[in-house]
mmCIF file of all heavy atoms, coordinates in Angstrom:
data_MODEL
# 
_entry.id   MODEL 
# 
loop_
_atom_site.group_PDB 
_atom_site.id 
_atom_site.type_symbol 
_atom_site.label_atom_id 
_atom_site.label_alt_id 
_atom_site.label_comp_id 
_atom_site.label_asym_id 
_atom_site.label_entity_id 
_atom_site.label_seq_id 
_atom_site.pdbx_PDB_ins_code 
_atom_site.Cartn_x 
_atom_site.Cartn_y 
_atom_site.Cartn_z 
_atom_site.occupancy 
_atom_site.B_iso_or_equiv 
_atom_site.pdbx_formal_charge 
_atom_site.auth_seq_id 
_atom_site.auth_comp_id 
_atom_site.auth_asym_id 
_atom_site.auth_atom_id 
_atom_site.pdbx_PDB_model_num 
ATOM 1   N N   . PHE A 1 1  ? 73.260 63.908 94.545 1.00 0.00 ? 1  PHE A N   1 
ATOM 2   C CA  . PHE A 1 1  ? 72.790 65.078 93.804 1.00 0.00 ? 1  PHE A CA  1 
ATOM 3   C C   . PHE A 1 1  ? 71.995 66.023 94.702 1.00 0.00 ? 1  PHE A C   1 
ATOM 4   O O   . PHE A 1 1  ? 72.032 67.240 94.516 1.00 0.00 ? 1  PHE A O   1 
ATOM 5   C CB  . PHE A 1 1  ? 71.964 64.639 92.599 1.00 0.00 ? 1  PHE A CB  1 
ATOM 6   C CG  . PHE A 1 1  ? 72.799 64.137 91.458 1.00 0.00 ? 1  PHE A CG  1 
ATOM 7   C CD1 . PHE A 1 1  ? 73.276 62.837 91.442 1.00 0.00 ? 1  PHE A CD1 1 
ATOM 8   C CD2 . PHE A 1 1  ? 73.133 64.970 90.406 1.00 0.00 ? 1  PHE A CD2 1 
ATOM 9   C CE1 . PHE A 1 1  ? 74.061 62.374 90.403 1.00 0.00 ? 1  PHE A CE1 1 
ATOM 10  C CE2 . PHE A 1 1  ? 73.926 64.526 89.359 1.00 0.00 ? 1  PHE A CE2 1 
ATOM 11  C CZ  . PHE A 1 1  ? 74.397 63.221 89.360 1.00 0.00 ? 1  PHE A CZ  1 
ATOM 12  N N   . GLY A 1 2  ? 71.284 65.459 95.669 1.00 0.00 ? 2  GLY A N   1 
ATOM 13  C CA  . GLY A 1 2  ? 70.567 66.322 96.595 1.00 0.00 ? 2  GLY A CA  1 
ATOM 14  C C   . GLY A 1 2  ? 71.514 67.145 97.451 1.00 0.00 ? 2  GLY A C   1 
ATOM 15  O O   . GLY A 1 2  ? 71.291 68.340 97.680 1.00 0.00 ? 2  GLY A O   1 
ATOM 16  N N   . GLY A 1 3  ? 72.608 66.520 97.910 1.00 0.00 ? 3  GLY A N   1 
ATOM 17  C CA  . GLY A 1 3  ? 73.559 67.232 98.750 1.00 0.00 ? 3  GLY A CA  1 
ATOM 18  C C   . GLY A 1 3  ? 74.410 68.216 97.978 1.00 0.00 ? 3  GLY A C   1 
ATOM 19  O O   . GLY A 1 3  ? 74.575 69.373 98.389 1.00 0.00 ? 3  GLY A O   1 
ATOM 20  N N   . VAL A 1 4  ? 74.957 67.783 96.830 1.00 0.00 ? 4  VAL A N   1 
ATOM 21  C CA  . VAL A 1 4  ? 75.896 68.624 96.083 1.00 0.00 ? 4  VAL A CA  1 
ATOM 22  C C   . VAL A 1 4  ? 75.167 69.715 95.300 1.00 0.00 ? 4  VAL A C   1 
ATOM 23  O O   . VAL A 1 4  ? 75.509 70.902 95.396 1.00 0.00 ? 4  VAL A O   1 
ATOM 24  C CB  . VAL A 1 4  ? 76.744 67.761 95.124 1.00 0.00 ? 4  VAL A CB  1 
ATOM 25  C CG1 . VAL A 1 4  ? 77.619 68.653 94.245 1.00 0.00 ? 4  VAL A CG1 1 
ATOM 26  C CG2 . VAL A 1 4  ? 77.612 66.800 95.917 1.00 0.00 ? 4  VAL A CG2 1 
ATOM 27  N N   . VAL A 1 5  ? 74.160 69.305 94.518 1.00 0.00 ? 5  VAL A N   1 
ATOM 28  C CA  . VAL A 1 5  ? 73.488 70.271 93.637 1.00 0.00 ? 5  VAL A CA  1 
ATOM 29  C C   . VAL A 1 5  ? 72.490 71.127 94.411 1.00 0.00 ? 5  VAL A C   1 
ATOM 30  O O   . VAL A 1 5  ? 72.557 72.360 94.393 1.00 0.00 ? 5  VAL A O   1 
ATOM 31  C CB  . VAL A 1 5  ? 72.785 69.546 92.469 1.00 0.00 ? 5  VAL A CB  1 
ATOM 32  C CG1 . VAL A 1 5  ? 72.088 70.561 91.563 1.00 0.00 ? 5  VAL A CG1 1 
ATOM 33  C CG2 . VAL A 1 5  ? 73.790 68.734 91.667 1.00 0.00 ? 5  VAL A CG2 1 
ATOM 34  N N   . ALA A 1 6  ? 71.547 70.450 95.099 1.00 0.00 ? 6  ALA A N   1 
ATOM 35  C CA  . ALA A 1 6  ? 70.524 71.213 95.815 1.00 0.00 ? 6  ALA A CA  1 
ATOM 36  C C   . ALA A 1 6  ? 71.108 71.967 96.998 1.00 0.00 ? 6  ALA A C   1 
ATOM 37  O O   . ALA A 1 6  ? 70.834 73.149 97.208 1.00 0.00 ? 6  ALA A O   1 
ATOM 38  C CB  . ALA A 1 6  ? 69.417 70.268 96.284 1.00 0.00 ? 6  ALA A CB  1 
ATOM 39  N N   . GLY A 1 7  ? 71.961 71.268 97.781 1.00 0.00 ? 7  GLY A N   1 
ATOM 40  C CA  . GLY A 1 7  ? 72.524 71.914 98.962 1.00 0.00 ? 7  GLY A CA  1 
ATOM 41  C C   . GLY A 1 7  ? 73.597 72.922 98.636 1.00 0.00 ? 7  GLY A C   1 
ATOM 42  O O   . GLY A 1 7  ? 73.531 74.090 99.050 1.00 0.00 ? 7  GLY A O   1 
ATOM 43  N N   . GLY A 1 8  ? 74.621 72.463 97.886 1.00 0.00 ? 8  GLY A N   1 
ATOM 44  C CA  . GLY A 1 8  ? 75.744 73.342 97.588 1.00 0.00 ? 8  GLY A CA  1 
ATOM 45  C C   . GLY A 1 8  ? 75.481 74.320 96.465 1.00 0.00 ? 8  GLY A C   1 
ATOM 46  O O   . GLY A 1 8  ? 75.626 75.535 96.625 1.00 0.00 ? 8  GLY A O   1 
ATOM 47  N N   . GLY A 1 9  ? 75.045 73.785 95.306 1.00 0.00 ? 9  GLY A N   1 
ATOM 48  C CA  . GLY A 1 9  ? 74.861 74.637 94.130 1.00 0.00 ? 9  GLY A CA  1 
ATOM 49  C C   . GLY A 1 9  ? 73.759 75.657 94.300 1.00 0.00 ? 9  GLY A C   1 
ATOM 50  O O   . GLY A 1 9  ? 73.975 76.869 94.122 1.00 0.00 ? 9  GLY A O   1 
ATOM 51  N N   . VAL A 1 10 ? 72.577 75.190 94.662 1.00 0.00 ? 10 VAL A N   1 
ATOM 52  C CA  . VAL A 1 10 ? 71.447 76.111 94.782 1.00 0.00 ? 10 VAL A CA  1 
ATOM 53  C C   . VAL A 1 10 ? 71.649 77.060 95.959 1.00 0.00 ? 10 VAL A C   1 
ATOM 54  O O   . VAL A 1 10 ? 71.473 78.282 95.845 1.00 0.00 ? 10 VAL A O   1 
ATOM 55  C CB  . VAL A 1 10 ? 70.125 75.323 94.954 1.00 0.00 ? 10 VAL A CB  1 
ATOM 56  C CG1 . VAL A 1 10 ? 68.966 76.283 95.194 1.00 0.00 ? 10 VAL A CG1 1 
ATOM 57  C CG2 . VAL A 1 10 ? 69.856 74.474 93.717 1.00 0.00 ? 10 VAL A CG2 1 
ATOM 58  N N   . GLY A 1 11 ? 72.026 76.493 97.128 1.00 0.00 ? 11 GLY A N   1 
ATOM 59  C CA  . GLY A 1 11 ? 72.181 77.342 98.312 1.00 0.00 ? 11 GLY A CA  1 
ATOM 60  C C   . GLY A 1 11 ? 73.246 78.410 98.131 1.00 0.00 ? 11 GLY A C   1 
ATOM 61  O O   . GLY A 1 11 ? 73.007 79.607 98.343 1.00 0.00 ? 11 GLY A O   1 
ATOM 62  N N   . ALA A 1 12 ? 74.442 77.974 97.728 1.00 0.00 ? 12 ALA A N   1 
ATOM 63  C CA  . ALA A 1 12 ? 75.544 78.934 97.573 1.00 0.00 ? 12 ALA A CA  1 
ATOM 64  C C   . ALA A 1 12 ? 75.306 79.870 96.398 1.00 0.00 ? 12 ALA A C   1 
ATOM 65  O O   . ALA A 1 12 ? 75.551 81.084 96.490 1.00 0.00 ? 12 ALA A O   1 
ATOM 66  C CB  . ALA A 1 12 ? 76.866 78.179 97.384 1.00 0.00 ? 12 ALA A CB  1 
ATOM 67  N N   . GLY A 1 13 ? 74.822 79.305 95.286 1.00 0.00 ? 13 GLY A N   1 
ATOM 68  C CA  . GLY A 1 13 ? 74.624 80.135 94.096 1.00 0.00 ? 13 GLY A CA  1 
ATOM 69  C C   . GLY A 1 13 ? 73.611 81.238 94.309 1.00 0.00 ? 13 GLY A C   1 
ATOM 70  O O   . GLY A 1 13 ? 73.863 82.406 93.974 1.00 0.00 ? 13 GLY A O   1 
ATOM 71  N N   . VAL A 1 14 ? 72.463 80.867 94.880 1.00 0.00 ? 14 VAL A N   1 
ATOM 72  C CA  . VAL A 1 14 ? 71.417 81.868 95.091 1.00 0.00 ? 14 VAL A CA  1 
ATOM 73  C C   . VAL A 1 14 ? 71.858 82.888 96.146 1.00 0.00 ? 14 VAL A C   1 
ATOM 74  O O   . VAL A 1 14 ? 71.650 84.099 95.994 1.00 0.00 ? 14 VAL A O   1 
ATOM 75  C CB  . VAL A 1 14 ? 70.096 81.192 95.516 1.00 0.00 ? 14 VAL A CB  1 
ATOM 76  C CG1 . VAL A 1 14 ? 69.063 82.235 95.941 1.00 0.00 ? 14 VAL A CG1 1 
ATOM 77  C CG2 . VAL A 1 14 ? 69.556 80.344 94.368 1.00 0.00 ? 14 VAL A CG2 1 
ATOM 78  N N   . GLY A 1 15 ? 72.484 82.388 97.220 1.00 0.00 ? 15 GLY A N   1 
ATOM 79  C CA  . GLY A 1 15 ? 72.906 83.301 98.276 1.00 0.00 ? 15 GLY A CA  1 
ATOM 80  C C   . GLY A 1 15 ? 73.935 84.322 97.799 1.00 0.00 ? 15 GLY A C   1 
ATOM 81  O O   . GLY A 1 15 ? 73.780 85.532 98.013 1.00 0.00 ? 15 GLY A O   1 
ATOM 82  N N   . ILE A 1 16 ? 74.979 83.823 97.142 1.00 0.00 ? 16 ILE A N   1 
ATOM 83  C CA  . ILE A 1 16 ? 76.032 84.727 96.661 1.00 0.00 ? 16 ILE A CA  1 
ATOM 84  C C   . ILE A 1 16 ? 75.507 85.619 95.541 1.00 0.00 ? 16 ILE A C   1 
ATOM 85  O O   . ILE A 1 16 ? 75.786 86.828 95.496 1.00 0.00 ? 16 ILE A O   1 
ATOM 86  C CB  . ILE A 1 16 ? 77.251 83.930 96.181 1.00 0.00 ? 16 ILE A CB  1 
ATOM 87  C CG1 . ILE A 1 16 ? 77.883 83.189 97.368 1.00 0.00 ? 16 ILE A CG1 1 
ATOM 88  C CG2 . ILE A 1 16 ? 78.283 84.840 95.518 1.00 0.00 ? 16 ILE A CG2 1 
ATOM 89  C CD1 . ILE A 1 16 ? 78.999 82.240 96.968 1.00 0.00 ? 16 ILE A CD1 1 
ATOM 90  N N   . GLY A 1 17 ? 74.745 85.008 94.633 1.00 0.00 ? 17 GLY A N   1 
ATOM 91  C CA  . GLY A 1 17 ? 74.219 85.788 93.513 1.00 0.00 ? 17 GLY A CA  1 
ATOM 92  C C   . GLY A 1 17 ? 73.339 86.926 93.972 1.00 0.00 ? 17 GLY A C   1 
ATOM 93  O O   . GLY A 1 17 ? 73.444 88.060 93.479 1.00 0.00 ? 17 GLY A O   1 
ATOM 94  N N   . ALA A 1 18 ? 72.454 86.632 94.924 1.00 0.00 ? 18 ALA A N   1 
ATOM 95  C CA  . ALA A 1 18 ? 71.549 87.683 95.408 1.00 0.00 ? 18 ALA A CA  1 
ATOM 96  C C   . ALA A 1 18 ? 72.318 88.758 96.158 1.00 0.00 ? 18 ALA A C   1 
ATOM 97  O O   . ALA A 1 18 ? 72.066 89.973 95.973 1.00 0.00 ? 18 ALA A O   1 
ATOM 98  C CB  . ALA A 1 18 ? 70.487 87.060 96.316 1.00 0.00 ? 18 ALA A CB  1 
ATOM 99  N N   . GLY A 1 19 ? 73.268 88.335 97.015 1.00 0.00 ? 19 GLY A N   1 
ATOM 100 C CA  . GLY A 1 19 ? 74.008 89.317 97.812 1.00 0.00 ? 19 GLY A CA  1 
ATOM 101 C C   . GLY A 1 19 ? 74.898 90.205 96.964 1.00 0.00 ? 19 GLY A C   1 
ATOM 102 O O   . GLY A 1 19 ? 74.846 91.442 97.059 1.00 0.00 ? 19 GLY A O   1 
ATOM 103 N N   . VAL A 1 20 ? 75.719 89.602 96.129 1.00 0.00 ? 20 VAL A N   1 
ATOM 104 C CA  . VAL A 1 20 ? 76.655 90.379 95.310 1.00 0.00 ? 20 VAL A CA  1 
ATOM 105 C C   . VAL A 1 20 ? 75.910 91.160 94.232 1.00 0.00 ? 20 VAL A C   1 
ATOM 106 O O   . VAL A 1 20 ? 76.226 92.324 93.948 1.00 0.00 ? 20 VAL A O   1 
ATOM 107 C CB  . VAL A 1 20 ? 77.707 89.442 94.673 1.00 0.00 ? 20 VAL A CB  1 
ATOM 108 C CG1 . VAL A 1 20 ? 78.614 90.224 93.725 1.00 0.00 ? 20 VAL A CG1 1 
ATOM 109 C CG2 . VAL A 1 20 ? 78.532 88.755 95.757 1.00 0.00 ? 20 VAL A CG2 1 
ATOM 110 N N   . GLY A 1 21 ? 74.892 90.505 93.645 1.00 0.00 ? 21 GLY A N   1 
ATOM 111 C CA  . GLY A 1 21 ? 74.127 91.190 92.598 1.00 0.00 ? 21 GLY A CA  1 
ATOM 112 C C   . GLY A 1 21 ? 73.458 92.442 93.114 1.00 0.00 ? 21 GLY A C   1 
ATOM 113 O O   . GLY A 1 21 ? 73.434 93.485 92.431 1.00 0.00 ? 21 GLY A O   1 
ATOM 114 N N   . ALA A 1 22 ? 72.894 92.344 94.330 1.00 0.00 ? 22 ALA A N   1 
ATOM 115 C CA  . ALA A 1 22 ? 72.255 93.529 94.905 1.00 0.00 ? 22 ALA A CA  1 
ATOM 116 C C   . ALA A 1 22 ? 73.282 94.596 95.253 1.00 0.00 ? 22 ALA A C   1 
ATOM 117 O O   . ALA A 1 22 ? 73.032 95.806 95.092 1.00 0.00 ? 22 ALA A O   1 
ATOM 118 C CB  . ALA A 1 22 ? 71.469 93.125 96.153 1.00 0.00 ? 22 ALA A CB  1 
ATOM 119 N N   . ALA A 1 23 ? 74.460 94.149 95.719 1.00 0.00 ? 23 ALA A N   1 
ATOM 120 C CA  . ALA A 1 23 ? 75.497 95.112 96.121 1.00 0.00 ? 23 ALA A CA  1 
ATOM 121 C C   . ALA A 1 23 ? 76.034 95.894 94.932 1.00 0.00 ? 23 ALA A C   1 
ATOM 122 O O   . ALA A 1 23 ? 76.303 97.106 95.045 1.00 0.00 ? 23 ALA A O   1 
ATOM 123 C CB  . ALA A 1 23 ? 76.636 94.390 96.832 1.00 0.00 ? 23 ALA A CB  1 
ATOM 124 N N   . ILE A 1 24 ? 76.206 95.233 93.794 1.00 0.00 ? 24 ILE A N   1 
ATOM 125 C CA  . ILE A 1 24 ? 76.772 95.921 92.627 1.00 0.00 ? 24 ILE A CA  1 
ATOM 126 C C   . ILE A 1 24 ? 75.685 96.406 91.672 1.00 0.00 ? 24 ILE A C   1 
ATOM 127 O O   . ILE A 1 24 ? 75.976 96.997 90.637 1.00 0.00 ? 24 ILE A O   1 
ATOM 128 C CB  . ILE A 1 24 ? 77.766 95.018 91.872 1.00 0.00 ? 24 ILE A CB  1 
ATOM 129 C CG1 . ILE A 1 24 ? 77.023 93.786 91.284 1.00 0.00 ? 24 ILE A CG1 1 
ATOM 130 C CG2 . ILE A 1 24 ? 78.894 94.568 92.782 1.00 0.00 ? 24 ILE A CG2 1 
ATOM 131 C CD1 . ILE A 1 24 ? 77.921 92.882 90.446 1.00 0.00 ? 24 ILE A CD1 1 
ATOM 132 N N   . GLY A 1 25 ? 74.425 96.131 92.047 1.00 0.00 ? 25 GLY A N   1 
ATOM 133 C CA  . GLY A 1 25 ? 73.314 96.595 91.224 1.00 0.00 ? 25 GLY A CA  1 
ATOM 134 C C   . GLY A 1 25 ? 73.247 95.909 89.878 1.00 0.00 ? 25 GLY A C   1 
ATOM 135 O O   . GLY A 1 25 ? 72.965 96.559 88.854 1.00 0.00 ? 25 GLY A O   1 
ATOM 136 N N   . SER A 1 26 ? 73.506 94.601 89.841 1.00 0.00 ? 26 SER A N   1 
ATOM 137 C CA  . SER A 1 26 ? 73.517 93.859 88.573 1.00 0.00 ? 26 SER A CA  1 
ATOM 138 C C   . SER A 1 26 ? 72.513 92.715 88.604 1.00 0.00 ? 26 SER A C   1 
ATOM 139 O O   . SER A 1 26 ? 72.788 91.650 89.169 1.00 0.00 ? 26 SER A O   1 
ATOM 140 C CB  . SER A 1 26 ? 74.922 93.316 88.287 1.00 0.00 ? 26 SER A CB  1 
ATOM 141 O OG  . SER A 1 26 ? 74.903 92.463 87.160 1.00 0.00 ? 26 SER A OG  1 
ATOM 142 N N   . PRO A 1 27 ? 71.321 92.887 87.987 1.00 0.00 ? 27 PRO A N   1 
ATOM 143 C CA  . PRO A 1 27 ? 70.358 91.790 87.895 1.00 0.00 ? 27 PRO A CA  1 
ATOM 144 C C   . PRO A 1 27 ? 70.918 90.594 87.126 1.00 0.00 ? 27 PRO A C   1 
ATOM 145 O O   . PRO A 1 27 ? 70.582 89.452 87.408 1.00 0.00 ? 27 PRO A O   1 
ATOM 146 C CB  . PRO A 1 27 ? 69.173 92.417 87.158 1.00 0.00 ? 27 PRO A CB  1 
ATOM 147 C CG  . PRO A 1 27 ? 69.314 93.888 87.398 1.00 0.00 ? 27 PRO A CG  1 
ATOM 148 C CD  . PRO A 1 27 ? 70.792 94.135 87.431 1.00 0.00 ? 27 PRO A CD  1 
ATOM 149 N N   . LEU A 1 28 ? 71.806 90.877 86.138 1.00 0.00 ? 28 LEU A N   1 
ATOM 150 C CA  . LEU A 1 28 ? 72.398 89.781 85.358 1.00 0.00 ? 28 LEU A CA  1 
ATOM 151 C C   . LEU A 1 28 ? 73.231 88.871 86.251 1.00 0.00 ? 28 LEU A C   1 
ATOM 152 O O   . LEU A 1 28 ? 73.137 87.639 86.168 1.00 0.00 ? 28 LEU A O   1 
ATOM 153 C CB  . LEU A 1 28 ? 73.272 90.357 84.244 1.00 0.00 ? 28 LEU A CB  1 
ATOM 154 C CG  . LEU A 1 28 ? 73.999 89.325 83.363 1.00 0.00 ? 28 LEU A CG  1 
ATOM 155 C CD1 . LEU A 1 28 ? 72.986 88.447 82.642 1.00 0.00 ? 28 LEU A CD1 1 
ATOM 156 C CD2 . LEU A 1 28 ? 74.904 90.026 82.357 1.00 0.00 ? 28 LEU A CD2 1 
# 
């Protein structure tokens, strides 16, 4: 769970969400 959820889910989710969200101007 540390590798899959914390490493993959949190890392990828936050990174992609922040990058794409900022690019398209969507806080949601």
